């Protein structure tokens, strides 16, 4: 009976942690963040536009560097 209780407790704890992490992964949030926190549309738009701007800036810098390398050769 004691083994059954420990096993059941382990399953319940594993289920709760898996649900917590799964919700955070689905919302593209850090694993240990609060899964009940909802990000407003405006905040999400600001975050995504900032990430997009950073990626495009890096791509532009890379392209410029490649053009300079071609001109130097």
Protein backbone atom coordinates (compact mmCIF):
# COMPACT_ATOMS: atom_id res chain seq x y z
CA UNK A 1 0.00 0.00 0.00
CA UNK A 2 2.89 2.34 0.79
CA UNK A 3 4.48 1.72 -2.62
CA UNK A 4 1.15 2.47 -4.31
CA UNK A 5 0.88 5.83 -2.49
CA UNK A 6 4.42 6.81 -3.47
CA UNK A 7 3.79 5.79 -7.07
CA UNK A 8 0.50 7.69 -7.19
CA UNK A 9 2.11 10.79 -5.65
CA UNK A 10 4.92 10.62 -8.23
CA UNK A 11 2.45 10.36 -11.09
CA UNK A 12 0.41 13.32 -9.81
CA UNK A 13 3.51 15.50 -9.31
CA UNK A 14 4.86 14.52 -12.73
CA UNK A 15 1.52 15.30 -14.35
CA UNK A 16 1.35 18.75 -12.74
CA UNK A 17 4.94 19.63 -13.68
CA UNK A 18 4.44 18.34 -17.22
CA UNK A 19 1.30 20.43 -17.59
CA UNK A 20 3.11 23.51 -16.24
CA UNK A 21 6.05 23.10 -18.62
CA UNK A 22 3.81 22.17 -21.56
CA UNK A 23 1.71 25.31 -21.22
CA UNK A 24 4.84 27.46 -21.05
CA UNK A 25 6.35 25.76 -24.09
CA UNK A 26 3.11 26.23 -26.02
CA UNK A 27 3.06 29.94 -25.20
CA UNK A 28 6.76 30.32 -26.04
CA UNK A 29 7.60 31.48 -22.51
CA UNK A 30 10.46 30.45 -20.18
CA UNK A 31 9.83 27.03 -18.59
CA UNK A 32 9.68 28.21 -14.99
CA UNK A 33 7.47 31.26 -15.58
CA UNK A 34 3.88 31.51 -14.38
CA UNK A 35 1.66 29.59 -16.83
CA UNK A 36 -1.40 31.62 -15.78
CA UNK A 37 0.16 34.95 -16.81
CA UNK A 38 -1.34 36.14 -20.06
CA UNK A 39 0.71 38.45 -22.21
CA UNK A 40 -1.34 41.24 -23.75
CA UNK A 41 -1.47 41.54 -27.50
CA UNK A 42 0.36 44.88 -27.38
CA UNK A 43 3.20 43.41 -25.28
CA UNK A 44 3.51 40.40 -27.57
CA UNK A 45 3.57 42.67 -30.63
CA UNK A 46 6.32 44.81 -29.07
CA UNK A 47 8.38 41.73 -28.20
CA UNK A 48 8.01 40.15 -31.64
CA UNK A 49 8.72 43.37 -33.52
CA UNK A 50 11.85 43.94 -31.44
CA UNK A 51 13.08 40.42 -32.16
CA UNK A 52 12.37 40.84 -35.87
CA UNK A 53 14.20 44.16 -35.95
CA UNK A 54 17.24 42.62 -34.25
CA UNK A 55 17.33 39.68 -36.67
CA UNK A 56 17.03 41.92 -39.71
CA UNK A 57 19.80 44.16 -38.37
CA UNK A 58 22.12 41.18 -37.92
CA UNK A 59 21.32 39.96 -41.44
CA UNK A 60 22.02 43.42 -42.86
CA UNK A 61 25.35 43.61 -41.03
CA UNK A 62 26.30 40.16 -42.30
CA UNK A 63 25.44 41.09 -45.88
CA UNK A 64 27.41 44.32 -45.61
CA UNK A 65 30.42 42.44 -44.26
CA UNK A 66 30.24 39.92 -47.11
CA UNK A 67 30.11 42.76 -49.66
CA UNK A 68 33.14 44.39 -48.09
CA UNK A 69 35.00 41.09 -48.18
CA UNK A 70 34.18 40.69 -51.89
CA UNK A 71 35.39 44.21 -52.66
CA UNK A 72 38.66 43.66 -50.80
CA UNK A 73 39.46 40.54 -52.84
